Every structure is written in structure tokens, then in C-alpha cells.
Amino acid sequence: MNLSEAMSDFARWSKWFACGSELGANKTNALALMAWIAAHAASDGKGVEFDERVWLSLTRQTGLTAEEGRDALDALIAHGLVTAVGQEKPGHLIARAVL
């Protein structure tokens, strides 16, 4: 990745976070989840697979409970900042940031 591509990625993620700052009541938990997604998202655009293992990791790393994390993810989806791109089975969701 060259500097121009890196700056472009940085600009897109920055705009994404700026949109997250307007979430209202769920803002704190949503921003925590956004930071976690940015740190763990696949660079190939596949997104993040949310399953029980991932929820446990998210809980340990952010301090959010599983319920708070799920509520934050629902808020991000409702505001168009994250899109669900697949659900292979109950309790397993593939989501991608909308940059």
C-alpha cells in the first residue's frame, strides 16, 4: 500500500467515525464498537464475522457486555454505518463498515 492509498483509507475511516459521533444516546457504546471494528476489519472488504467467539473478544477488549455490543451493532446498522452482508446461522452475522 502506498502513502496515497493509506491516506485515502485514513480519510474514509475518519469520515466514518465523524458520522458515528452523531448517534445520540448510543454514541459511547457505538464508538467503542466502531473502534473495535476498525481494528479488526479485514482489509479485503469481507468485513467482520460476529459469532460467540468474536463477541467474547469484543467484550474483553472494549468492556462492553455482549448485549451492549449487540445493541451498538444494531444502532450502527440502523444509521447505515454498518451493513449486514451475511447470516449463515443464528448467532453468526457477517457485517461490514460502510465507508
C-alpha atoms as a PDB file:
ATOM      1  CA  MET A   1       0.000   0.000   0.000  1.00  0.00           C
ATOM      2  CA  ASN A   2       1.443   3.358  -0.961  1.00  0.00           C
ATOM      3  CA  LEU A   3       1.092   6.597   1.005  1.00  0.00           C
ATOM      4  CA  SER A   4      -1.755   7.864  -1.190  1.00  0.00           C
ATOM      5  CA  GLU A   5      -3.798   4.676  -0.586  1.00  0.00           C
ATOM      6  CA  ALA A   6      -3.055   4.810   3.142  1.00  0.00           C
ATOM      7  CA  MET A   7      -4.209   8.425   3.356  1.00  0.00           C
ATOM      8  CA  SER A   8      -7.331   7.582   1.376  1.00  0.00           C
ATOM      9  CA  ASP A   9      -8.135   4.747   3.821  1.00  0.00           C
ATOM     10  CA  PHE A  10      -7.475   7.080   6.746  1.00  0.00           C
ATOM     11  CA  ALA A  11      -9.788   9.730   5.276  1.00  0.00           C
ATOM     12  CA  ARG A  12     -12.602   7.198   4.759  1.00  0.00           C
ATOM     13  CA  TRP A  13     -12.292   5.800   8.290  1.00  0.00           C
ATOM     14  CA  SER A  14     -12.148   9.372   9.685  1.00  0.00           C
ATOM     15  CA  LYS A  15     -15.381  10.327   7.913  1.00  0.00           C
ATOM     16  CA  TRP A  16     -16.962   7.115   9.198  1.00  0.00           C
ATOM     17  CA  PHE A  17     -16.061   7.999  12.782  1.00  0.00           C
ATOM     18  CA  ALA A  18     -17.330  11.556  12.308  1.00  0.00           C
ATOM     19  CA  CYS A  19     -20.719  10.133  11.324  1.00  0.00           C
ATOM     20  CA  GLY A  20     -20.652   7.957  14.439  1.00  0.00           C
ATOM     21  CA  SER A  21     -20.279  10.994  16.658  1.00  0.00           C
ATOM     22  CA  GLU A  22     -23.876  11.931  15.756  1.00  0.00           C
ATOM     23  CA  LEU A  23     -25.508   8.777  17.140  1.00  0.00           C
ATOM     24  CA  GLY A  24     -27.068  10.334  20.231  1.00  0.00           C
ATOM     25  CA  ALA A  25     -27.868   8.095  23.202  1.00  0.00           C
ATOM     26  CA  ASN A  26     -25.954   5.053  21.915  1.00  0.00           C
ATOM     27  CA  LYS A  27     -22.897   7.090  20.940  1.00  0.00           C
ATOM     28  CA  THR A  28     -20.416   5.879  23.577  1.00  0.00           C
ATOM     29  CA  ASN A  29     -21.013   2.174  23.017  1.00  0.00           C
ATOM     30  CA  ALA A  30     -21.324   2.616  19.257  1.00  0.00           C
ATOM     31  CA  LEU A  31     -17.993   4.472  19.061  1.00  0.00           C
ATOM     32  CA  ALA A  32     -16.346   1.749  21.145  1.00  0.00           C
ATOM     33  CA  LEU A  33     -17.679  -0.851  18.720  1.00  0.00           C
ATOM     34  CA  MET A  34     -16.612   1.270  15.733  1.00  0.00           C
ATOM     35  CA  ALA A  35     -13.059   1.436  17.094  1.00  0.00           C
ATOM     36  CA  TRP A  36     -13.077  -2.318  17.614  1.00  0.00           C
ATOM     37  CA  ILE A  37     -14.375  -2.896  14.071  1.00  0.00           C
ATOM     38  CA  ALA A  38     -11.723  -0.579  12.607  1.00  0.00           C
ATOM     39  CA  ALA A  39      -9.026  -2.522  14.450  1.00  0.00           C
ATOM     40  CA  HIS A  40     -10.345  -5.950  13.403  1.00  0.00           C
ATOM     41  CA  ALA A  41     -11.960  -5.479   9.993  1.00  0.00           C
ATOM     42  CA  ALA A  42     -10.493  -7.420   7.122  1.00  0.00           C
ATOM     43  CA  SER A  43      -8.626  -5.184   4.698  1.00  0.00           C
ATOM     44  CA  ASP A  44     -10.085  -7.102   1.751  1.00  0.00           C
ATOM     45  CA  GLY A  45     -13.589  -5.747   2.372  1.00  0.00           C
ATOM     46  CA  LYS A  46     -15.064  -9.008   3.695  1.00  0.00           C
ATOM     47  CA  GLY A  47     -15.965  -7.380   6.992  1.00  0.00           C
ATOM     48  CA  VAL A  48     -16.142  -8.913  10.458  1.00  0.00           C
ATOM     49  CA  GLU A  49     -17.790 -12.208  11.307  1.00  0.00           C
ATOM     50  CA  PHE A  50     -19.680 -11.820  14.581  1.00  0.00           C
ATOM     51  CA  ASP A  51     -20.052 -15.127  16.373  1.00  0.00           C
ATOM     52  CA  GLU A  52     -19.822 -16.124  20.046  1.00  0.00           C
ATOM     53  CA  ARG A  53     -16.003 -16.135  19.952  1.00  0.00           C
ATOM     54  CA  VAL A  54     -15.912 -12.630  18.475  1.00  0.00           C
ATOM     55  CA  TRP A  55     -18.485 -11.282  20.947  1.00  0.00           C
ATOM     56  CA  LEU A  56     -16.345 -12.650  23.790  1.00  0.00           C
ATOM     57  CA  SER A  57     -13.248 -10.974  22.344  1.00  0.00           C
ATOM     58  CA  LEU A  58     -15.130  -7.709  21.889  1.00  0.00           C
ATOM     59  CA  THR A  59     -16.342  -7.858  25.499  1.00  0.00           C
ATOM     60  CA  ARG A  60     -12.815  -8.400  26.821  1.00  0.00           C
ATOM     61  CA  GLN A  61     -11.279  -5.684  24.663  1.00  0.00           C
ATOM     62  CA  THR A  62     -13.912  -2.931  24.967  1.00  0.00           C
ATOM     63  CA  GLY A  63     -15.583  -3.585  28.306  1.00  0.00           C
ATOM     64  CA  LEU A  64     -18.997  -3.704  26.614  1.00  0.00           C
ATOM     65  CA  THR A  65     -21.294  -6.523  27.628  1.00  0.00           C
ATOM     66  CA  ALA A  66     -22.454  -8.807  24.818  1.00  0.00           C
ATOM     67  CA  GLU A  67     -25.870  -7.128  24.988  1.00  0.00           C
ATOM     68  CA  GLU A  68     -24.344  -3.625  24.803  1.00  0.00           C
ATOM     69  CA  GLY A  69     -22.240  -4.742  21.839  1.00  0.00           C
ATOM     70  CA  ARG A  70     -25.252  -6.151  20.035  1.00  0.00           C
ATOM     71  CA  ASP A  71     -27.267  -3.004  20.743  1.00  0.00           C
ATOM     72  CA  ALA A  72     -24.383  -0.873  19.456  1.00  0.00           C
ATOM     73  CA  LEU A  73     -24.176  -3.009  16.304  1.00  0.00           C
ATOM     74  CA  ASP A  74     -27.932  -2.633  15.794  1.00  0.00           C
ATOM     75  CA  ALA A  75     -27.563   1.167  16.158  1.00  0.00           C
ATOM     76  CA  LEU A  76     -24.719   1.237  13.612  1.00  0.00           C
ATOM     77  CA  ILE A  77     -26.783  -0.816  11.174  1.00  0.00           C
ATOM     78  CA  ALA A  78     -29.858   1.394  11.733  1.00  0.00           C
ATOM     79  CA  HIS A  79     -27.784   4.524  10.979  1.00  0.00           C
ATOM     80  CA  GLY A  80     -26.259   2.999   7.837  1.00  0.00           C
ATOM     81  CA  LEU A  81     -22.708   2.901   9.216  1.00  0.00           C
ATOM     82  CA  VAL A  82     -22.529  -0.894   9.135  1.00  0.00           C
ATOM     83  CA  THR A  83     -24.263  -3.281   6.815  1.00  0.00           C
ATOM     84  CA  ALA A  84     -25.048  -6.922   7.417  1.00  0.00           C
ATOM     85  CA  VAL A  85     -23.643  -8.874   4.486  1.00  0.00           C
ATOM     86  CA  GLY A  86     -24.488 -12.378   5.581  1.00  0.00           C
ATOM     87  CA  GLN A  87     -26.013 -14.522   8.284  1.00  0.00           C
ATOM     88  CA  GLU A  88     -25.143 -18.151   7.800  1.00  0.00           C
ATOM     89  CA  LYS A  89     -26.753 -19.387  11.017  1.00  0.00           C
ATOM     90  CA  PRO A  90     -28.394 -17.983  14.153  1.00  0.00           C
ATOM     91  CA  GLY A  91     -25.906 -16.109  16.319  1.00  0.00           C
ATOM     92  CA  HIS A  92     -23.494 -15.611  13.401  1.00  0.00           C
ATOM     93  CA  LEU A  93     -23.531 -12.349  11.463  1.00  0.00           C
ATOM     94  CA  ILE A  94     -21.100 -11.009   8.899  1.00  0.00           C
ATOM     95  CA  ALA A  95     -21.038  -7.201   8.896  1.00  0.00           C
ATOM     96  CA  ARG A  96     -19.041  -4.590   7.040  1.00  0.00           C
ATOM     97  CA  ALA A  97     -18.382  -0.917   7.770  1.00  0.00           C
ATOM     98  CA  VAL A  98     -19.990   1.403   5.222  1.00  0.00           C
ATOM     99  CA  LEU A  99     -17.120   3.746   4.415  1.00  0.00           C
END
